[in-house]
Amino acid sequence: MAPGSTEHTVNLSIRNSMQDPLCPLCNAPGPTPFFEDDWRPYFRCLDCQLVFVPPEFHLSLQREKAEYDLHENSPEDPDYRNFLSRLFEPMQLRLPQKSYGLDFGSGPGPTLSVMFAEAGHQMEIYDPFYFDDPGKLERQKTDSIDSSNQYDFITASEVVEHLRDPASELARLWSCLKPKGILGIMTKQVQDRASFSRWHYKDDRTHICFFSQPTFQWLASQWSSSAEFIGQDVVLFSRP
């Protein structure tokens, strides 16, 4: 989008009228400006270190889905499987046989769930645009840890960067895990402002939350867990 375009002018107007937002992950006030481009500003929370785009600059749900409709990922694509193996392989090493799992944000071509099913696990999928079954995310009202909708593991591959309300969404996933269950997240992580300014990941308009190791460590502390970092973009949490 070129400066001077209608959308650029509208965004400038929004910038001039907006108040400092609250952090969508920890709800802390007073985030610091982190970066700004022609499309939108980015803030960083001083408490949990999340970098985020204020709600005024989020795409509409219709435009967001239109972007996802362009994706052509499928289980038949070996390159896509290889990409997902960065999360699949470390998760698989830590799971008991025949575990019960959920792939959250599976997209229009569920693939990670297929890979786990091929490895002998029972899988459910959920996606707010393509497989919207809220029952998959409701914790059964019982004290039994064997509740059918409490999972041994949950995966979220290239999902958390899209979340409009990461606090409630991540809390809901955590509540759906059995004790000793594993939450596996794959997302590219913020390093510093200089690299962020050149980062292609921020240029995707559906990406509105950018996590880093300090952010995941903050999250782990809220859950009385620990963050196990694998490679550049995978983190695992085990529920106590």
Protein backbone atom coordinates (compact mmCIF):
# COMPACT_ATOMS: atom_id res chain seq x y z
CA MET A 1 0.00 0.00 0.00
CA ALA A 2 1.52 3.31 -1.06
CA PRO A 3 1.57 6.32 1.24
CA GLY A 4 -1.25 8.63 0.22
CA SER A 5 -3.66 5.78 -0.59
CA THR A 6 -7.13 5.80 0.93
CA GLU A 7 -6.31 3.00 3.36
CA HIS A 8 -3.08 4.71 4.40
CA THR A 9 -4.98 7.93 5.09
CA VAL A 10 -7.60 6.08 7.13
CA ASN A 11 -4.87 4.36 9.15
CA LEU A 12 -3.22 7.69 9.91
CA SER A 13 -6.56 8.99 11.14
CA ILE A 14 -6.98 5.96 13.40
CA ARG A 15 -3.44 6.37 14.74
CA ASN A 16 -4.09 10.00 15.61
CA SER A 17 -7.30 9.21 17.49
CA MET A 18 -6.41 5.96 19.24
CA GLN A 19 -5.52 5.60 22.90
CA ASP A 20 -2.72 3.38 24.15
CA PRO A 21 -4.09 -0.18 24.06
CA LEU A 22 -4.00 -2.80 26.80
CA CYS A 23 -1.88 -5.87 26.24
CA PRO A 24 -4.16 -8.63 24.85
CA LEU A 25 -2.18 -11.31 26.70
CA CYS A 26 -1.66 -9.95 30.22
CA ASN A 27 -3.96 -6.90 30.12
CA ALA A 28 -1.19 -4.58 31.30
CA PRO A 29 -1.57 -0.89 30.43
CA GLY A 30 1.07 1.39 28.97
CA PRO A 31 2.72 -0.66 26.23
CA THR A 32 5.61 1.01 24.48
CA PRO A 33 5.61 1.75 20.72
CA PHE A 34 7.81 -0.88 19.11
CA PHE A 35 7.63 -0.32 15.35
CA GLU A 36 5.41 1.28 12.72
CA ASP A 37 4.99 0.72 9.00
CA ASP A 38 2.59 2.02 6.34
CA TRP A 39 -0.16 -0.33 7.48
CA ARG A 40 -0.20 -0.27 11.25
CA PRO A 41 1.68 0.37 14.51
CA TYR A 42 3.10 -2.35 16.75
CA PHE A 43 3.37 -2.13 20.53
CA ARG A 44 5.38 -4.14 23.03
CA CYS A 45 4.06 -4.95 26.48
CA LEU A 46 6.51 -4.05 29.24
CA ASP A 47 5.22 -6.90 31.44
CA CYS A 48 4.96 -10.02 29.24
CA GLN A 49 6.95 -8.64 26.26
CA LEU A 50 4.27 -9.54 23.71
CA VAL A 51 4.47 -7.45 20.53
CA PHE A 52 0.99 -6.81 19.18
CA VAL A 53 -1.14 -4.85 16.74
CA PRO A 54 -3.94 -2.76 18.31
CA PRO A 55 -7.51 -3.94 17.57
CA GLU A 56 -8.25 -0.89 15.43
CA PHE A 57 -5.88 -2.29 12.80
CA HIS A 58 -7.14 -5.88 12.70
CA LEU A 59 -8.68 -7.15 9.49
CA SER A 60 -12.38 -7.86 9.46
CA LEU A 61 -13.27 -11.52 9.95
CA GLN A 62 -14.37 -11.65 6.31
CA ARG A 63 -11.05 -10.34 5.02
CA GLU A 64 -9.15 -12.59 7.40
CA LYS A 65 -10.96 -15.70 6.15
CA ALA A 66 -10.39 -14.60 2.55
CA GLU A 67 -6.65 -14.73 3.23
CA TYR A 68 -6.90 -18.24 4.69
CA ASP A 69 -8.99 -19.40 1.73
CA LEU A 70 -5.90 -18.84 -0.42
CA HIS A 71 -3.92 -21.46 1.51
CA GLU A 72 -3.37 -24.72 -0.34
CA ASN A 73 -1.93 -26.89 2.43
CA SER A 74 -2.83 -30.57 2.43
CA PRO A 75 -1.62 -33.93 3.79
CA GLU A 76 -0.51 -34.87 0.28
CA ASP A 77 2.10 -32.09 0.22
CA PRO A 78 5.46 -33.53 1.40
CA ASP A 79 6.96 -30.06 1.86
CA TYR A 80 4.11 -29.05 4.17
CA ARG A 81 4.54 -32.27 6.15
CA ASN A 82 8.24 -31.55 6.47
CA PHE A 83 7.45 -28.07 7.75
CA LEU A 84 5.02 -29.44 10.36
CA SER A 85 7.54 -32.08 11.43
CA ARG A 86 9.31 -29.37 13.42
CA LEU A 87 6.42 -29.61 15.88
CA PHE A 88 5.29 -33.16 15.19
CA GLU A 89 8.60 -34.90 15.90
CA PRO A 90 9.37 -33.46 19.36
CA MET A 91 5.73 -33.92 20.40
CA GLN A 92 5.68 -37.51 19.18
CA LEU A 93 8.81 -38.32 21.19
CA ARG A 94 7.09 -37.19 24.39
CA LEU A 95 3.66 -38.79 23.94
CA PRO A 96 2.47 -42.14 25.26
CA GLN A 97 1.09 -44.48 22.62
CA LYS A 98 -2.53 -43.95 21.59
CA SER A 99 -2.78 -40.49 23.14
CA TYR A 100 -5.83 -38.27 22.63
CA GLY A 101 -5.03 -34.97 20.96
CA LEU A 102 -6.49 -31.79 19.51
CA ASP A 103 -5.07 -29.78 16.62
CA PHE A 104 -6.24 -26.22 17.31
CA GLY A 105 -6.44 -23.95 14.26
CA SER A 106 -6.13 -26.75 11.77
CA GLY A 107 -6.98 -24.55 8.77
CA PRO A 108 -8.84 -25.63 5.63
CA GLY A 109 -6.49 -28.58 4.96
CA PRO A 110 -5.87 -30.40 8.27
CA THR A 111 -2.52 -32.14 8.09
CA LEU A 112 -0.88 -32.22 11.51
CA SER A 113 -3.85 -34.18 12.85
CA VAL A 114 -3.40 -36.69 10.02
CA MET A 115 0.27 -37.13 10.91
CA PHE A 116 -0.56 -37.85 14.55
CA ALA A 117 -3.38 -40.22 13.54
CA GLU A 118 -0.95 -42.09 11.29
CA ALA A 119 1.29 -42.47 14.36
CA GLY A 120 -1.56 -44.15 16.25
CA HIS A 121 -3.12 -41.29 18.18
CA GLN A 122 -6.79 -40.33 18.36
CA MET A 123 -7.26 -36.81 17.03
CA GLU A 124 -9.81 -34.01 17.07
CA ILE A 125 -9.57 -30.80 15.07
CA TYR A 126 -10.86 -27.30 15.67
CA ASP A 127 -10.73 -24.18 13.56
CA PRO A 128 -12.98 -21.12 14.06
CA PHE A 129 -13.41 -20.67 10.29
CA TYR A 130 -13.46 -24.23 8.93
CA PHE A 131 -14.25 -26.67 11.75
CA ASP A 132 -16.06 -24.56 14.31
CA ASP A 133 -17.30 -27.02 16.93
CA PRO A 134 -17.09 -25.20 20.29
CA GLY A 135 -17.73 -28.49 22.09
CA LYS A 136 -14.16 -29.49 21.21
CA LEU A 137 -12.95 -26.69 23.48
CA GLU A 138 -15.33 -27.14 26.40
CA ARG A 139 -13.96 -28.79 29.48
CA GLN A 140 -16.38 -31.40 30.76
CA LYS A 141 -17.83 -30.47 34.16
CA THR A 142 -16.43 -33.36 36.13
CA ASP A 143 -13.49 -33.96 38.42
CA SER A 144 -12.41 -37.01 36.45
CA ILE A 145 -9.16 -36.53 34.57
CA ASP A 146 -10.44 -39.08 32.06
CA SER A 147 -13.06 -36.70 30.67
CA SER A 148 -13.51 -37.40 26.99
CA ASN A 149 -12.80 -33.81 26.01
CA GLN A 150 -9.71 -33.37 28.13
CA TYR A 151 -6.72 -33.96 25.94
CA ASP A 152 -3.35 -35.64 26.41
CA PHE A 153 -1.89 -33.07 24.04
CA ILE A 154 -2.87 -30.01 22.03
CA THR A 155 -1.04 -28.54 19.05
CA ALA A 156 -1.23 -25.01 17.67
CA SER A 157 0.93 -24.68 14.57
CA GLU A 158 1.18 -21.18 13.05
CA VAL A 159 -1.92 -20.15 15.02
CA VAL A 160 -1.09 -17.98 18.02
CA GLU A 161 0.11 -15.10 15.87
CA HIS A 162 -3.48 -14.78 14.56
CA LEU A 163 -5.25 -14.64 17.94
CA ARG A 164 -7.31 -11.54 18.69
CA ASP A 165 -7.71 -12.53 22.33
CA PRO A 166 -4.67 -14.67 23.15
CA ALA A 167 -5.31 -14.49 26.91
CA SER A 168 -8.66 -16.25 26.80
CA GLU A 169 -7.82 -18.59 23.90
CA LEU A 170 -4.61 -19.89 25.47
CA ALA A 171 -6.25 -20.18 28.89
CA ARG A 172 -9.04 -22.23 27.32
CA LEU A 173 -6.56 -24.59 25.65
CA TRP A 174 -4.62 -25.00 28.88
CA SER A 175 -7.83 -25.86 30.76
CA CYS A 176 -8.57 -28.60 28.23
CA LEU A 177 -5.31 -30.44 28.94
CA LYS A 178 -5.14 -33.38 31.31
CA PRO A 179 -2.51 -33.27 34.07
CA LYS A 180 0.86 -34.01 32.45
CA GLY A 181 -0.66 -33.07 29.12
CA ILE A 182 1.48 -31.20 26.58
CA LEU A 183 0.69 -28.01 24.69
CA GLY A 184 2.89 -27.58 21.61
CA ILE A 185 3.08 -24.21 19.86
CA MET A 186 4.88 -23.39 16.64
CA THR A 187 5.27 -19.72 15.69
CA LYS A 188 8.15 -17.54 14.58
CA GLN A 189 9.54 -15.50 17.48
CA VAL A 190 10.48 -11.85 17.85
CA GLN A 191 14.19 -11.20 18.34
CA ASP A 192 14.70 -7.42 18.45
CA ARG A 193 13.43 -4.21 16.90
CA ALA A 194 16.08 -4.09 14.17
CA SER A 195 15.31 -7.58 12.85
CA PHE A 196 11.58 -6.98 13.30
CA SER A 197 11.76 -4.02 10.91
CA ARG A 198 12.98 -6.39 8.16
CA TRP A 199 10.87 -9.38 9.19
CA HIS A 200 8.57 -10.83 6.53
CA TYR A 201 6.43 -12.40 9.25
CA LYS A 202 4.99 -9.05 10.31
CA ASP A 203 3.92 -8.28 6.72
CA ASP A 204 1.12 -10.84 6.85
CA ARG A 205 -1.88 -8.70 7.81
CA THR A 206 -3.48 -11.65 9.64
CA HIS A 207 -0.50 -11.76 12.03
CA ILE A 208 -1.34 -9.56 15.01
CA CYS A 209 0.48 -11.13 18.00
CA PHE A 210 4.22 -11.79 18.01
CA PHE A 211 5.67 -13.93 20.78
CA SER A 212 9.24 -14.23 22.02
CA GLN A 213 11.09 -16.43 24.49
CA PRO A 214 10.43 -13.97 27.35
CA THR A 215 6.73 -13.97 26.48
CA PHE A 216 6.55 -17.76 26.56
CA GLN A 217 8.51 -17.82 29.80
CA TRP A 218 6.02 -15.36 31.29
CA LEU A 219 3.18 -17.60 30.11
CA ALA A 220 4.82 -20.66 31.66
CA SER A 221 5.08 -18.87 34.99
CA GLN A 222 1.34 -18.14 34.90
CA TRP A 223 0.69 -21.84 34.39
CA SER A 224 3.24 -23.06 36.97
CA SER A 225 4.89 -24.83 34.06
CA SER A 226 8.10 -24.41 32.11
CA ALA A 227 8.75 -23.50 28.50
CA GLU A 228 10.88 -25.99 26.57
CA PHE A 229 12.24 -24.32 23.44
CA ILE A 230 13.06 -26.50 20.45
CA GLY A 231 14.76 -24.88 17.49
CA GLN A 232 13.77 -21.36 16.49
CA ASP A 233 10.00 -21.62 16.47
CA VAL A 234 8.70 -24.47 18.68
CA VAL A 235 7.88 -24.35 22.38
CA LEU A 236 6.35 -27.07 24.56
CA PHE A 237 4.51 -26.68 27.86
CA SER A 238 3.66 -29.56 30.19
CA ARG A 239 0.70 -29.17 32.51
CA PRO A 240 1.61 -30.00 36.15
